[in-house]
Amino acid sequence: MEGPEGRGGVPGRTGAAVEPLRRPAVVLLSGGLDSATCLAYARREGFACHALTLDYGQRHRVELEAAARVAAALGAARRLVVQVDLRAFGGSALTDDIAVPRGRSLDEAAIPPTYVPARNTVFLSLALAWAETLAAGDIFIGVNALDYSGYPDCRPEFLAAFEGLAVLGTKAGVEGRLGLKIHAPLIGLSKAGIVKLARELGVPFGLTHSCYDPDGEGRPCGECDACRLRRKGFEEAGVEDR
């Protein structure tokens, strides 16, 4: 699926100045606040951002629509949607008939039912495959190790291990043609810090979606972990969520 600029496109106008050539990067874009901030950050760093969205059978499918809006608003060079049926495995409240917890303490250490088995391993592997074909040595992911709901695949140790795997397991890595790098610019930020960075980068908050269990109209439930973390972040940042 192509983004609004079409295949390989950098938007331009007749008579407009030619934009300097940007180095390509793959950005994992879910449509949530964190991934939108990550896309805006990568753009600011001078990358031509190829946004990769995964349709993995998630119950909160409204985030796929949010990803399309965000990619267009933030100037992704291209957007690709790849289907991966993680519902075939289940095992998560996001991909199975398991209730999404509401009102759970955000301080709980246990891994929550919304953890999707090996999700970021799968996502990063697909991002790596696309990056290699694009001759892109940079992959951006909006994971966070502070307000991260207890997911093991959002930790710095996981990302460092995957980066090593990327170098060992790809032609580009073995031949040394690309200095493969996993960028996680939000990894050390609180949710309030992410909100402040997003505001600085001009992220359109109203186009993003965070809720794990929206109603039939796509409205957020307000009580799942994602909703409560988002609300907490905006309140602590003193920023209006709109």
C-alpha atoms as a PDB file:
ATOM      1  CA  MET A   1       0.000   0.000   0.000  1.00  0.00           C
ATOM      2  CA  GLU A   2       1.423   3.322  -1.004  1.00  0.00           C
ATOM      3  CA  GLY A   3       1.368   6.540   0.927  1.00  0.00           C
ATOM      4  CA  PRO A   4      -0.102   9.790  -0.354  1.00  0.00           C
ATOM      5  CA  GLU A   5       2.993  10.614  -2.399  1.00  0.00           C
ATOM      6  CA  GLY A   6       2.915   7.345  -4.324  1.00  0.00           C
ATOM      7  CA  ARG A   7       5.785   4.994  -5.071  1.00  0.00           C
ATOM      8  CA  GLY A   8       9.162   6.300  -3.973  1.00  0.00           C
ATOM      9  CA  GLY A   9       7.831   9.834  -4.053  1.00  0.00           C
ATOM     10  CA  VAL A  10       9.232  12.972  -2.555  1.00  0.00           C
ATOM     11  CA  PRO A  11       6.470  15.546  -2.985  1.00  0.00           C
ATOM     12  CA  GLY A  12       7.383  18.548  -5.080  1.00  0.00           C
ATOM     13  CA  ARG A  13       5.928  21.536  -6.877  1.00  0.00           C
ATOM     14  CA  THR A  14       6.819  23.107 -10.183  1.00  0.00           C
ATOM     15  CA  GLY A  15       9.406  25.791  -9.538  1.00  0.00           C
ATOM     16  CA  ALA A  16       9.976  24.677  -5.940  1.00  0.00           C
ATOM     17  CA  ALA A  17      13.484  24.265  -4.579  1.00  0.00           C
ATOM     18  CA  VAL A  18      14.721  20.684  -4.718  1.00  0.00           C
ATOM     19  CA  GLU A  19      14.909  19.129  -1.254  1.00  0.00           C
ATOM     20  CA  PRO A  20      18.372  17.776  -0.388  1.00  0.00           C
ATOM     21  CA  LEU A  21      18.675  14.020  -0.757  1.00  0.00           C
ATOM     22  CA  ARG A  22      17.736  12.373   2.520  1.00  0.00           C
ATOM     23  CA  ARG A  23      19.118   9.077   3.778  1.00  0.00           C
ATOM     24  CA  PRO A  24      16.394   6.404   3.884  1.00  0.00           C
ATOM     25  CA  ALA A  25      15.151   4.955   7.156  1.00  0.00           C
ATOM     26  CA  VAL A  26      12.347   2.577   8.078  1.00  0.00           C
ATOM     27  CA  VAL A  27      10.049   3.793  10.852  1.00  0.00           C
ATOM     28  CA  LEU A  28       7.615   1.426  12.553  1.00  0.00           C
ATOM     29  CA  LEU A  29       4.335   3.359  12.674  1.00  0.00           C
ATOM     30  CA  SER A  30       1.359   1.995  14.603  1.00  0.00           C
ATOM     31  CA  GLY A  31      -0.684   5.192  14.661  1.00  0.00           C
ATOM     32  CA  GLY A  32      -0.132   5.759  18.373  1.00  0.00           C
ATOM     33  CA  LEU A  33       1.445   8.766  20.044  1.00  0.00           C
ATOM     34  CA  ASP A  34       4.856   7.158  20.547  1.00  0.00           C
ATOM     35  CA  SER A  35       5.334   5.942  16.983  1.00  0.00           C
ATOM     36  CA  ALA A  36       4.069   9.260  15.590  1.00  0.00           C
ATOM     37  CA  THR A  37       6.615  11.091  17.733  1.00  0.00           C
ATOM     38  CA  CYS A  38       9.296   8.701  16.520  1.00  0.00           C
ATOM     39  CA  LEU A  39       8.390   9.440  12.882  1.00  0.00           C
ATOM     40  CA  ALA A  40       8.512  13.185  13.489  1.00  0.00           C
ATOM     41  CA  TYR A  41      11.866  12.802  15.237  1.00  0.00           C
ATOM     42  CA  ALA A  42      13.355  10.797  12.364  1.00  0.00           C
ATOM     43  CA  ARG A  43      12.144  13.418   9.888  1.00  0.00           C
ATOM     44  CA  ARG A  44      13.776  16.162  11.937  1.00  0.00           C
ATOM     45  CA  GLU A  45      17.016  14.184  11.932  1.00  0.00           C
ATOM     46  CA  GLY A  46      17.030  14.397   8.146  1.00  0.00           C
ATOM     47  CA  PHE A  47      15.845  10.925   7.136  1.00  0.00           C
ATOM     48  CA  ALA A  48      13.516  10.037   4.267  1.00  0.00           C
ATOM     49  CA  CYS A  49      11.062   8.041   6.343  1.00  0.00           C
ATOM     50  CA  HIS A  50       9.527   4.853   4.993  1.00  0.00           C
ATOM     51  CA  ALA A  51       6.684   4.151   7.395  1.00  0.00           C
ATOM     52  CA  LEU A  52       5.885   0.488   8.048  1.00  0.00           C
ATOM     53  CA  THR A  53       2.521  -0.362   9.599  1.00  0.00           C
ATOM     54  CA  LEU A  54       1.662  -3.911  10.640  1.00  0.00           C
ATOM     55  CA  ASP A  55      -1.894  -5.182  10.380  1.00  0.00           C
ATOM     56  CA  TYR A  56      -1.506  -8.092  12.773  1.00  0.00           C
ATOM     57  CA  GLY A  57      -5.164  -8.729  13.555  1.00  0.00           C
ATOM     58  CA  GLN A  58      -5.242  -6.333  16.496  1.00  0.00           C
ATOM     59  CA  ARG A  59      -8.625  -5.659  18.039  1.00  0.00           C
ATOM     60  CA  HIS A  60      -7.954  -1.888  18.029  1.00  0.00           C
ATOM     61  CA  ARG A  61      -7.930  -1.733  14.242  1.00  0.00           C
ATOM     62  CA  VAL A  62      -8.755   1.957  14.295  1.00  0.00           C
ATOM     63  CA  GLU A  63      -5.021   2.509  14.843  1.00  0.00           C
ATOM     64  CA  LEU A  64      -4.427   1.466  11.219  1.00  0.00           C
ATOM     65  CA  GLU A  65      -6.499   4.440  10.085  1.00  0.00           C
ATOM     66  CA  ALA A  66      -4.590   6.645  12.512  1.00  0.00           C
ATOM     67  CA  ALA A  67      -1.289   5.461  11.032  1.00  0.00           C
ATOM     68  CA  ALA A  68      -2.405   6.528   7.554  1.00  0.00           C
ATOM     69  CA  ARG A  69      -3.367   9.993   8.815  1.00  0.00           C
ATOM     70  CA  VAL A  70      -0.122  10.431  10.740  1.00  0.00           C
ATOM     71  CA  ALA A  71       2.062   9.300   7.820  1.00  0.00           C
ATOM     72  CA  ALA A  72       0.414  11.851   5.542  1.00  0.00           C
ATOM     73  CA  ALA A  73       0.547  14.667   8.090  1.00  0.00           C
ATOM     74  CA  LEU A  74       4.199  14.120   9.007  1.00  0.00           C
ATOM     75  CA  GLY A  75       5.530  13.716   5.489  1.00  0.00           C
ATOM     76  CA  ALA A  76       6.469  10.053   5.231  1.00  0.00           C
ATOM     77  CA  ALA A  77       8.187   9.403   1.908  1.00  0.00           C
ATOM     78  CA  ARG A  78       6.251   6.169   1.577  1.00  0.00           C
ATOM     79  CA  ARG A  79       3.872   4.080   3.682  1.00  0.00           C
ATOM     80  CA  LEU A  80       3.600   0.321   3.535  1.00  0.00           C
ATOM     81  CA  VAL A  81       1.029  -1.849   5.323  1.00  0.00           C
ATOM     82  CA  VAL A  82       1.958  -5.503   5.795  1.00  0.00           C
ATOM     83  CA  GLN A  83      -0.475  -8.139   7.051  1.00  0.00           C
ATOM     84  CA  VAL A  84       0.804 -10.589   9.652  1.00  0.00           C
ATOM     85  CA  ASP A  85      -1.871 -12.766  11.247  1.00  0.00           C
ATOM     86  CA  LEU A  86      -0.839 -12.939  14.894  1.00  0.00           C
ATOM     87  CA  ARG A  87      -4.428 -13.889  15.759  1.00  0.00           C
ATOM     88  CA  ALA A  88      -3.518 -17.336  14.452  1.00  0.00           C
ATOM     89  CA  PHE A  89      -1.400 -17.745  17.584  1.00  0.00           C
ATOM     90  CA  GLY A  90      -3.519 -15.719  20.009  1.00  0.00           C
ATOM     91  CA  GLY A  91      -2.238 -15.515  23.554  1.00  0.00           C
ATOM     92  CA  SER A  92      -2.914 -11.794  23.986  1.00  0.00           C
ATOM     93  CA  ALA A  93      -5.848  -9.575  24.834  1.00  0.00           C
ATOM     94  CA  LEU A  94      -5.077  -7.708  21.610  1.00  0.00           C
ATOM     95  CA  THR A  95      -5.247 -10.771  19.349  1.00  0.00           C
ATOM     96  CA  ASP A  96      -7.477 -13.230  21.197  1.00  0.00           C
ATOM     97  CA  ASP A  97     -10.771 -13.472  23.073  1.00  0.00           C
ATOM     98  CA  ILE A  98      -9.198 -12.243  26.286  1.00  0.00           C
ATOM     99  CA  ALA A  99     -10.541  -9.201  28.094  1.00  0.00           C
ATOM    100  CA  VAL A 100      -8.441  -6.060  27.960  1.00  0.00           C
ATOM    101  CA  PRO A 101      -7.782  -5.129  31.605  1.00  0.00           C
ATOM    102  CA  ARG A 102      -9.221  -1.832  32.773  1.00  0.00           C
ATOM    103  CA  GLY A 103      -8.246   0.117  35.854  1.00  0.00           C
ATOM    104  CA  ARG A 104      -5.102  -1.956  36.408  1.00  0.00           C
ATOM    105  CA  SER A 105      -2.435  -0.377  38.595  1.00  0.00           C
ATOM    106  CA  LEU A 106       0.209   1.133  36.346  1.00  0.00           C
ATOM    107  CA  ASP A 107       2.814   0.190  38.956  1.00  0.00           C
ATOM    108  CA  GLU A 108       2.220  -3.564  38.608  1.00  0.00           C
ATOM    109  CA  ALA A 109       5.395  -5.445  37.713  1.00  0.00           C
ATOM    110  CA  ALA A 110       3.637  -8.388  36.053  1.00  0.00           C
ATOM    111  CA  ILE A 111       3.569  -8.593  32.257  1.00  0.00           C
ATOM    112  CA  PRO A 112      -0.023  -7.661  31.315  1.00  0.00           C
ATOM    113  CA  PRO A 113      -2.462  -9.657  29.132  1.00  0.00           C
ATOM    114  CA  THR A 114      -2.029  -7.051  26.372  1.00  0.00           C
ATOM    115  CA  TYR A 115       1.511  -8.310  25.736  1.00  0.00           C
ATOM    116  CA  VAL A 116       1.558  -9.867  22.243  1.00  0.00           C
ATOM    117  CA  PRO A 117       4.023 -12.791  22.093  1.00  0.00           C
ATOM    118  CA  ALA A 118       7.201 -11.767  20.242  1.00  0.00           C
ATOM    119  CA  ARG A 119       5.446  -8.805  18.603  1.00  0.00           C
ATOM    120  CA  ASN A 120       8.414  -6.447  18.463  1.00  0.00           C
ATOM    121  CA  THR A 121      10.671  -9.283  17.325  1.00  0.00           C
ATOM    122  CA  VAL A 122       8.309  -9.886  14.405  1.00  0.00           C
ATOM    123  CA  PHE A 123       7.892  -6.171  13.685  1.00  0.00           C
ATOM    124  CA  LEU A 124      11.604  -5.422  13.750  1.00  0.00           C
ATOM    125  CA  SER A 125      12.336  -8.432  11.543  1.00  0.00           C
ATOM    126  CA  LEU A 126       9.950  -7.123   8.894  1.00  0.00           C
ATOM    127  CA  ALA A 127      11.371  -3.617   9.237  1.00  0.00           C
ATOM    128  CA  LEU A 128      14.851  -5.089   8.810  1.00  0.00           C
ATOM    129  CA  ALA A 129      13.822  -6.918   5.633  1.00  0.00           C
ATOM    130  CA  TRP A 130      12.436  -3.729   4.119  1.00  0.00           C
ATOM    131  CA  ALA A 131      15.427  -1.697   5.263  1.00  0.00           C
ATOM    132  CA  GLU A 132      17.820  -4.107   3.571  1.00  0.00           C
ATOM    133  CA  THR A 133      15.971  -3.856   0.259  1.00  0.00           C
ATOM    134  CA  LEU A 134      15.957  -0.044   0.552  1.00  0.00           C
ATOM    135  CA  ALA A 135      19.677   0.011   1.383  1.00  0.00           C
ATOM    136  CA  ALA A 136      18.644   1.737   4.602  1.00  0.00           C
ATOM    137  CA  GLY A 137      20.876   1.235   7.611  1.00  0.00           C
ATOM    138  CA  ASP A 138      18.517   2.880  10.092  1.00  0.00           C
ATOM    139  CA  ILE A 139      15.344   1.565  11.728  1.00  0.00           C
ATOM    140  CA  PHE A 140      13.279   3.642  14.163  1.00  0.00           C
ATOM    141  CA  ILE A 141      10.923   2.189  16.772  1.00  0.00           C
ATOM    142  CA  GLY A 142       8.951   4.138  19.365  1.00  0.00           C
ATOM    143  CA  VAL A 143       9.420   1.854  22.361  1.00  0.00           C
ATOM    144  CA  ASN A 144       9.809   3.233  25.855  1.00  0.00           C
ATOM    145  CA  ALA A 145      11.442   1.598  28.889  1.00  0.00           C
ATOM    146  CA  LEU A 146       9.917   3.785  31.619  1.00  0.00           C
ATOM    147  CA  ASP A 147       6.148   4.005  31.099  1.00  0.00           C
ATOM    148  CA  TYR A 148       6.064   0.843  29.001  1.00  0.00           C
ATOM    149  CA  SER A 149       3.362  -1.344  30.636  1.00  0.00           C
ATOM    150  CA  GLY A 150       5.835  -4.106  31.493  1.00  0.00           C
ATOM    151  CA  TYR A 151       6.519  -5.404  27.973  1.00  0.00           C
ATOM    152  CA  PRO A 152       9.860  -7.259  27.790  1.00  0.00           C
ATOM    153  CA  ASP A 153      10.401  -6.329  24.132  1.00  0.00           C
ATOM    154  CA  CYS A 154      10.484  -2.614  24.953  1.00  0.00           C
ATOM    155  CA  ARG A 155      13.720  -2.807  26.940  1.00  0.00           C
ATOM    156  CA  PRO A 156      17.152  -1.530  25.865  1.00  0.00           C
ATOM    157  CA  GLU A 157      18.620  -5.025  26.324  1.00  0.00           C
ATOM    158  CA  PHE A 158      16.207  -6.440  23.771  1.00  0.00           C
ATOM    159  CA  LEU A 159      16.964  -3.723  21.228  1.00  0.00           C
ATOM    160  CA  ALA A 160      20.719  -4.149  21.633  1.00  0.00           C
ATOM    161  CA  ALA A 161      20.375  -7.903  21.121  1.00  0.00           C
ATOM    162  CA  PHE A 162      18.231  -7.415  18.012  1.00  0.00           C
ATOM    163  CA  GLU A 163      20.718  -4.963  16.559  1.00  0.00           C
ATOM    164  CA  GLY A 164      23.422  -7.603  16.919  1.00  0.00           C
ATOM    165  CA  LEU A 165      21.147 -10.144  15.252  1.00  0.00           C
ATOM    166  CA  ALA A 166      20.531  -7.713  12.378  1.00  0.00           C
ATOM    167  CA  VAL A 167      24.236  -7.403  11.686  1.00  0.00           C
ATOM    168  CA  LEU A 168      24.837 -11.161  11.882  1.00  0.00           C
ATOM    169  CA  GLY A 169      21.756 -12.280   9.984  1.00  0.00           C
ATOM    170  CA  THR A 170      21.641 -10.073   6.893  1.00  0.00           C
ATOM    171  CA  LYS A 171      23.674  -9.862   3.715  1.00  0.00           C
ATOM    172  CA  ALA A 172      24.083  -6.114   4.218  1.00  0.00           C
ATOM    173  CA  GLY A 173      25.382  -6.671   7.731  1.00  0.00           C
ATOM    174  CA  VAL A 174      27.795  -9.472   6.871  1.00  0.00           C
ATOM    175  CA  GLU A 175      29.204  -7.578   3.888  1.00  0.00           C
ATOM    176  CA  GLY A 176      29.522  -4.423   5.960  1.00  0.00           C
ATOM    177  CA  ARG A 177      27.660  -2.346   3.387  1.00  0.00           C
ATOM    178  CA  LEU A 178      25.333  -0.826   5.970  1.00  0.00           C
ATOM    179  CA  GLY A 179      25.947   0.163   9.557  1.00  0.00           C
ATOM    180  CA  LEU A 180      22.646  -1.287  10.740  1.00  0.00           C
ATOM    181  CA  LYS A 181      21.264   0.677  13.679  1.00  0.00           C
ATOM    182  CA  ILE A 182      18.067   0.344  15.719  1.00  0.00           C
ATOM    183  CA  HIS A 183      17.052   3.810  16.917  1.00  0.00           C
ATOM    184  CA  ALA A 184      14.758   4.122  19.940  1.00  0.00           C
ATOM    185  CA  PRO A 185      14.745   7.877  20.621  1.00  0.00           C
ATOM    186  CA  LEU A 186      11.989   7.607  23.252  1.00  0.00           C
ATOM    187  CA  ILE A 187      13.558   4.759  25.221  1.00  0.00           C
ATOM    188  CA  GLY A 188      14.565   6.850  28.241  1.00  0.00           C
ATOM    189  CA  LEU A 189      11.635   9.265  28.309  1.00  0.00           C
ATOM    190  CA  SER A 190       8.619   9.263  30.582  1.00  0.00           C
ATOM    191  CA  LYS A 191       5.237   9.567  28.906  1.00  0.00           C
ATOM    192  CA  ALA A 192       5.204  13.234  29.906  1.00  0.00           C
ATOM    193  CA  GLY A 193       8.600  13.637  28.260  1.00  0.00           C
ATOM    194  CA  ILE A 194       7.264  12.036  25.090  1.00  0.00           C
ATOM    195  CA  VAL A 195       4.303  14.424  25.067  1.00  0.00           C
ATOM    196  CA  LYS A 196       6.625  17.426  25.412  1.00  0.00           C
ATOM    197  CA  LEU A 197       8.875  16.164  22.621  1.00  0.00           C
ATOM    198  CA  ALA A 198       5.846  15.486  20.424  1.00  0.00           C
ATOM    199  CA  ARG A 199       4.624  19.044  20.941  1.00  0.00           C
ATOM    200  CA  GLU A 200       8.073  20.390  20.071  1.00  0.00           C
ATOM    201  CA  LEU A 201       8.093  18.303  16.882  1.00  0.00           C
ATOM    202  CA  GLY A 202       4.596  19.380  15.850  1.00  0.00           C
ATOM    203  CA  VAL A 203       2.952  15.968  16.162  1.00  0.00           C
ATOM    204  CA  PRO A 204      -0.814  16.281  15.533  1.00  0.00           C
ATOM    205  CA  PHE A 205      -2.111  14.673  18.743  1.00  0.00           C
ATOM    206  CA  GLY A 206      -5.673  14.464  17.475  1.00  0.00           C
ATOM    207  CA  LEU A 207      -4.676  12.189  14.586  1.00  0.00           C
ATOM    208  CA  THR A 208      -3.114   9.546  16.853  1.00  0.00           C
ATOM    209  CA  HIS A 209      -4.826   6.636  18.610  1.00  0.00           C
ATOM    210  CA  SER A 210      -3.678   4.821  21.755  1.00  0.00           C
ATOM    211  CA  CYS A 211      -6.633   2.860  23.187  1.00  0.00           C
ATOM    212  CA  TYR A 212      -6.460  -0.947  23.229  1.00  0.00           C
ATOM    213  CA  ASP A 213     -10.226  -1.415  23.526  1.00  0.00           C
ATOM    214  CA  PRO A 214     -12.132   1.293  21.622  1.00  0.00           C
ATOM    215  CA  ASP A 215     -15.867   1.116  21.043  1.00  0.00           C
ATOM    216  CA  GLY A 216     -17.471   0.441  17.680  1.00  0.00           C
ATOM    217  CA  GLU A 217     -17.017   4.080  16.676  1.00  0.00           C
ATOM    218  CA  GLY A 218     -13.314   4.059  17.534  1.00  0.00           C
ATOM    219  CA  ARG A 219     -13.728   6.105  20.707  1.00  0.00           C
ATOM    220  CA  PRO A 220     -11.181   5.325  23.446  1.00  0.00           C
ATOM    221  CA  CYS A 221     -12.336   3.447  26.537  1.00  0.00           C
ATOM    222  CA  GLY A 222     -10.401   5.711  28.899  1.00  0.00           C
ATOM    223  CA  GLU A 223      -9.546   2.904  31.334  1.00  0.00           C
ATOM    224  CA  CYS A 224      -7.098   0.514  29.641  1.00  0.00           C
ATOM    225  CA  ASP A 225      -3.368   0.818  30.326  1.00  0.00           C
ATOM    226  CA  ALA A 226      -2.760   2.706  27.079  1.00  0.00           C
ATOM    227  CA  CYS A 227      -5.501   5.257  27.760  1.00  0.00           C
ATOM    228  CA  ARG A 228      -4.397   5.822  31.341  1.00  0.00           C
ATOM    229  CA  LEU A 229      -0.707   6.151  30.442  1.00  0.00           C
ATOM    230  CA  ARG A 230      -1.600   8.647  27.735  1.00  0.00           C
ATOM    231  CA  ARG A 231      -3.798  10.692  30.079  1.00  0.00           C
ATOM    232  CA  LYS A 232      -1.118  10.617  32.789  1.00  0.00           C
ATOM    233  CA  GLY A 233       1.502  11.813  30.317  1.00  0.00           C
ATOM    234  CA  PHE A 234      -0.531  14.765  29.093  1.00  0.00           C
ATOM    235  CA  GLU A 235      -1.518  15.767  32.628  1.00  0.00           C
ATOM    236  CA  GLU A 236       2.070  15.648  33.883  1.00  0.00           C
ATOM    237  CA  ALA A 237       3.306  17.547  30.824  1.00  0.00           C
ATOM    238  CA  GLY A 238       0.634  20.215  31.245  1.00  0.00           C
ATOM    239  CA  VAL A 239      -0.402  19.794  27.615  1.00  0.00           C
ATOM    240  CA  GLU A 240      -3.925  19.498  26.237  1.00  0.00           C
ATOM    241  CA  ASP A 241      -4.595  16.281  24.307  1.00  0.00           C
ATOM    242  CA  ARG A 242      -6.225  17.543  21.147  1.00  0.00           C
END
